[in-house]
Amino acid sequence: MTMLTHPRGPLDQAADSSGRLDTVGTAAARAHLATIKRFCMRALPVLIAAGALTGIIALKAAIYFWRFHY
């Protein structure tokens, strides 16, 4: 019976290669996450600029309609 039981805890890695983590898949996942992070960091200033432009246009429109009303 002792040969069939699992001697390690549930969080320990296996000693043989079949039970180890996939290091190639992990490296690929890290590369994909880095690409996504790089894309988001480049898209963030564009979104901020678009939001600022939208705010300026909305403020100008509000001032125009406020003056036009009187």
N, C-alpha and C. Protein backbone atom coordinates (compact mmCIF):
# COMPACT_ATOMS: atom_id res chain seq x y z
N MET A 1 0.82 -1.19 0.00
CA MET A 1 0.00 0.00 0.00
C MET A 1 0.86 1.25 0.00
N THR A 2 2.03 1.22 0.62
CA THR A 2 2.86 2.42 0.67
C THR A 2 3.40 2.78 -0.71
N MET A 3 3.53 1.86 -1.61
CA MET A 3 4.00 2.17 -2.95
C MET A 3 2.95 2.91 -3.76
N LEU A 4 1.69 2.75 -3.40
CA LEU A 4 0.62 3.39 -4.16
C LEU A 4 0.26 4.76 -3.61
N THR A 5 0.69 5.08 -2.42
CA THR A 5 0.34 6.38 -1.84
C THR A 5 1.30 7.45 -2.30
N HIS A 6 0.87 8.64 -2.20
CA HIS A 6 1.65 9.79 -2.64
C HIS A 6 2.45 10.31 -1.45
N PRO A 7 3.80 10.24 -1.46
CA PRO A 7 4.59 10.62 -0.30
C PRO A 7 4.70 12.13 -0.10
N ARG A 8 4.43 12.92 -1.12
CA ARG A 8 4.58 14.38 -1.01
C ARG A 8 3.26 15.03 -0.64
N GLY A 9 3.36 16.28 -0.22
CA GLY A 9 2.17 17.05 0.06
C GLY A 9 1.52 17.52 -1.24
N PRO A 10 0.35 18.13 -1.16
CA PRO A 10 -0.35 18.52 -2.38
C PRO A 10 0.33 19.68 -3.13
N LEU A 11 1.18 20.44 -2.46
CA LEU A 11 1.81 21.59 -3.11
C LEU A 11 3.25 21.33 -3.53
N ASP A 12 3.80 20.18 -3.23
CA ASP A 12 5.17 19.85 -3.61
C ASP A 12 5.23 19.44 -5.07
N GLN A 13 6.35 19.77 -5.73
CA GLN A 13 6.53 19.37 -7.11
C GLN A 13 6.99 17.92 -7.17
N ALA A 14 6.66 17.27 -8.24
CA ALA A 14 7.07 15.89 -8.43
C ALA A 14 8.54 15.85 -8.84
N ALA A 15 9.21 14.76 -8.50
CA ALA A 15 10.63 14.62 -8.81
C ALA A 15 10.86 14.20 -10.25
N ASP A 16 9.91 13.52 -10.84
CA ASP A 16 10.11 13.07 -12.22
C ASP A 16 9.68 14.14 -13.21
N SER A 17 10.09 13.99 -14.45
CA SER A 17 9.83 15.03 -15.44
C SER A 17 8.37 15.09 -15.87
N SER A 18 7.63 14.02 -15.72
CA SER A 18 6.24 14.03 -16.16
C SER A 18 5.36 14.89 -15.25
N GLY A 19 5.75 15.08 -14.02
CA GLY A 19 4.94 15.84 -13.09
C GLY A 19 5.42 17.26 -12.88
N ARG A 20 6.51 17.64 -13.50
CA ARG A 20 7.03 19.00 -13.31
C ARG A 20 6.22 20.00 -14.11
N LEU A 21 6.39 21.25 -13.76
CA LEU A 21 5.71 22.32 -14.48
C LEU A 21 6.27 22.45 -15.88
N ASP A 22 5.46 22.88 -16.78
CA ASP A 22 5.88 23.08 -18.16
C ASP A 22 6.63 24.40 -18.25
N THR A 23 7.96 24.36 -18.29
CA THR A 23 8.75 25.59 -18.29
C THR A 23 8.66 26.32 -19.61
N VAL A 24 8.49 25.59 -20.72
CA VAL A 24 8.35 26.25 -22.02
C VAL A 24 7.03 27.00 -22.07
N GLY A 25 5.96 26.38 -21.61
CA GLY A 25 4.67 27.05 -21.57
C GLY A 25 4.67 28.24 -20.63
N THR A 26 5.38 28.12 -19.53
CA THR A 26 5.47 29.22 -18.59
C THR A 26 6.22 30.39 -19.20
N ALA A 27 7.30 30.11 -19.92
CA ALA A 27 8.07 31.18 -20.57
C ALA A 27 7.23 31.85 -21.65
N ALA A 28 6.47 31.07 -22.39
CA ALA A 28 5.61 31.63 -23.42
C ALA A 28 4.52 32.50 -22.80
N ALA A 29 3.97 32.05 -21.68
CA ALA A 29 2.94 32.84 -21.01
C ALA A 29 3.52 34.16 -20.51
N ARG A 30 4.73 34.11 -19.98
CA ARG A 30 5.38 35.35 -19.53
C ARG A 30 5.63 36.29 -20.70
N ALA A 31 6.01 35.75 -21.85
CA ALA A 31 6.24 36.58 -23.03
C ALA A 31 4.94 37.23 -23.49
N HIS A 32 3.85 36.46 -23.45
CA HIS A 32 2.56 37.02 -23.85
C HIS A 32 2.11 38.10 -22.87
N LEU A 33 2.32 37.88 -21.60
CA LEU A 33 1.95 38.89 -20.61
C LEU A 33 2.78 40.15 -20.78
N ALA A 34 4.05 40.00 -21.12
CA ALA A 34 4.90 41.17 -21.36
C ALA A 34 4.42 41.94 -22.58
N THR A 35 3.99 41.23 -23.61
CA THR A 35 3.47 41.89 -24.82
C THR A 35 2.18 42.64 -24.50
N ILE A 36 1.31 42.02 -23.74
CA ILE A 36 0.05 42.68 -23.36
C ILE A 36 0.33 43.90 -22.51
N LYS A 37 1.26 43.80 -21.58
CA LYS A 37 1.61 44.92 -20.72
C LYS A 37 2.19 46.07 -21.55
N ARG A 38 3.06 45.73 -22.50
CA ARG A 38 3.65 46.76 -23.36
C ARG A 38 2.57 47.46 -24.18
N PHE A 39 1.62 46.69 -24.72
CA PHE A 39 0.53 47.28 -25.50
C PHE A 39 -0.31 48.21 -24.63
N CYS A 40 -0.64 47.78 -23.42
CA CYS A 40 -1.46 48.61 -22.53
C CYS A 40 -0.74 49.89 -22.13
N MET A 41 0.56 49.78 -21.90
CA MET A 41 1.33 50.98 -21.52
C MET A 41 1.41 51.98 -22.68
N ARG A 42 1.37 51.49 -23.90
CA ARG A 42 1.38 52.40 -25.05
C ARG A 42 -0.01 52.94 -25.36
N ALA A 43 -1.04 52.18 -25.04
CA ALA A 43 -2.41 52.62 -25.30
C ALA A 43 -2.90 53.60 -24.24
N LEU A 44 -2.33 53.55 -23.05
CA LEU A 44 -2.78 54.41 -21.96
C LEU A 44 -2.66 55.90 -22.28
N PRO A 45 -1.52 56.41 -22.79
CA PRO A 45 -1.46 57.84 -23.13
C PRO A 45 -2.45 58.24 -24.22
N VAL A 46 -2.73 57.34 -25.15
CA VAL A 46 -3.70 57.65 -26.20
C VAL A 46 -5.09 57.81 -25.59
N LEU A 47 -5.45 56.93 -24.67
CA LEU A 47 -6.75 57.03 -24.01
C LEU A 47 -6.85 58.28 -23.14
N ILE A 48 -5.76 58.62 -22.48
CA ILE A 48 -5.77 59.84 -21.65
C ILE A 48 -5.93 61.07 -22.52
N ALA A 49 -5.21 61.12 -23.66
CA ALA A 49 -5.32 62.26 -24.57
C ALA A 49 -6.73 62.35 -25.15
N ALA A 50 -7.32 61.22 -25.50
CA ALA A 50 -8.68 61.23 -26.03
C ALA A 50 -9.67 61.70 -24.98
N GLY A 51 -9.48 61.29 -23.74
CA GLY A 51 -10.36 61.75 -22.67
C GLY A 51 -10.23 63.24 -22.41
N ALA A 52 -8.99 63.74 -22.47
CA ALA A 52 -8.77 65.18 -22.28
C ALA A 52 -9.41 65.97 -23.41
N LEU A 53 -9.25 65.50 -24.64
CA LEU A 53 -9.85 66.18 -25.79
C LEU A 53 -11.37 66.17 -25.70
N THR A 54 -11.94 65.07 -25.28
CA THR A 54 -13.39 64.98 -25.10
C THR A 54 -13.86 65.95 -24.01
N GLY A 55 -13.10 66.04 -22.93
CA GLY A 55 -13.46 66.97 -21.86
C GLY A 55 -13.39 68.42 -22.30
N ILE A 56 -12.38 68.76 -23.08
CA ILE A 56 -12.26 70.14 -23.59
C ILE A 56 -13.42 70.46 -24.51
N ILE A 57 -13.76 69.55 -25.40
CA ILE A 57 -14.88 69.79 -26.32
C ILE A 57 -16.19 69.92 -25.55
N ALA A 58 -16.39 69.09 -24.54
CA ALA A 58 -17.61 69.16 -23.74
C ALA A 58 -17.68 70.48 -22.98
N LEU A 59 -16.55 70.92 -22.45
CA LEU A 59 -16.53 72.20 -21.73
C LEU A 59 -16.83 73.37 -22.67
N LYS A 60 -16.24 73.36 -23.85
CA LYS A 60 -16.52 74.41 -24.82
C LYS A 60 -17.98 74.41 -25.24
N ALA A 61 -18.54 73.23 -25.45
CA ALA A 61 -19.95 73.13 -25.82
C ALA A 61 -20.84 73.64 -24.70
N ALA A 62 -20.50 73.31 -23.46
CA ALA A 62 -21.31 73.77 -22.32
C ALA A 62 -21.26 75.29 -22.21
N ILE A 63 -20.08 75.86 -22.39
CA ILE A 63 -19.96 77.33 -22.32
C ILE A 63 -20.72 77.96 -23.47
N TYR A 64 -20.61 77.39 -24.66
CA TYR A 64 -21.32 77.94 -25.82
C TYR A 64 -22.82 77.91 -25.59
N PHE A 65 -23.37 76.77 -25.15
CA PHE A 65 -24.81 76.67 -24.95
C PHE A 65 -25.27 77.54 -23.78
N TRP A 66 -24.41 77.72 -22.77
CA TRP A 66 -24.77 78.58 -21.65
C TRP A 66 -24.88 80.03 -22.12
N ARG A 67 -23.94 80.48 -22.97
CA ARG A 67 -23.98 81.86 -23.49
C ARG A 67 -25.11 81.99 -24.51
N PHE A 68 -25.35 80.95 -25.29
CA PHE A 68 -26.39 80.99 -26.32
C PHE A 68 -27.77 81.06 -25.68
N HIS A 69 -27.93 80.49 -24.48
CA HIS A 69 -29.24 80.48 -23.83
C HIS A 69 -29.66 81.87 -23.40
N TYR A 70 -28.72 82.72 -23.02
CA TYR A 70 -29.09 84.07 -22.56
C TYR A 70 -29.17 85.05 -23.65
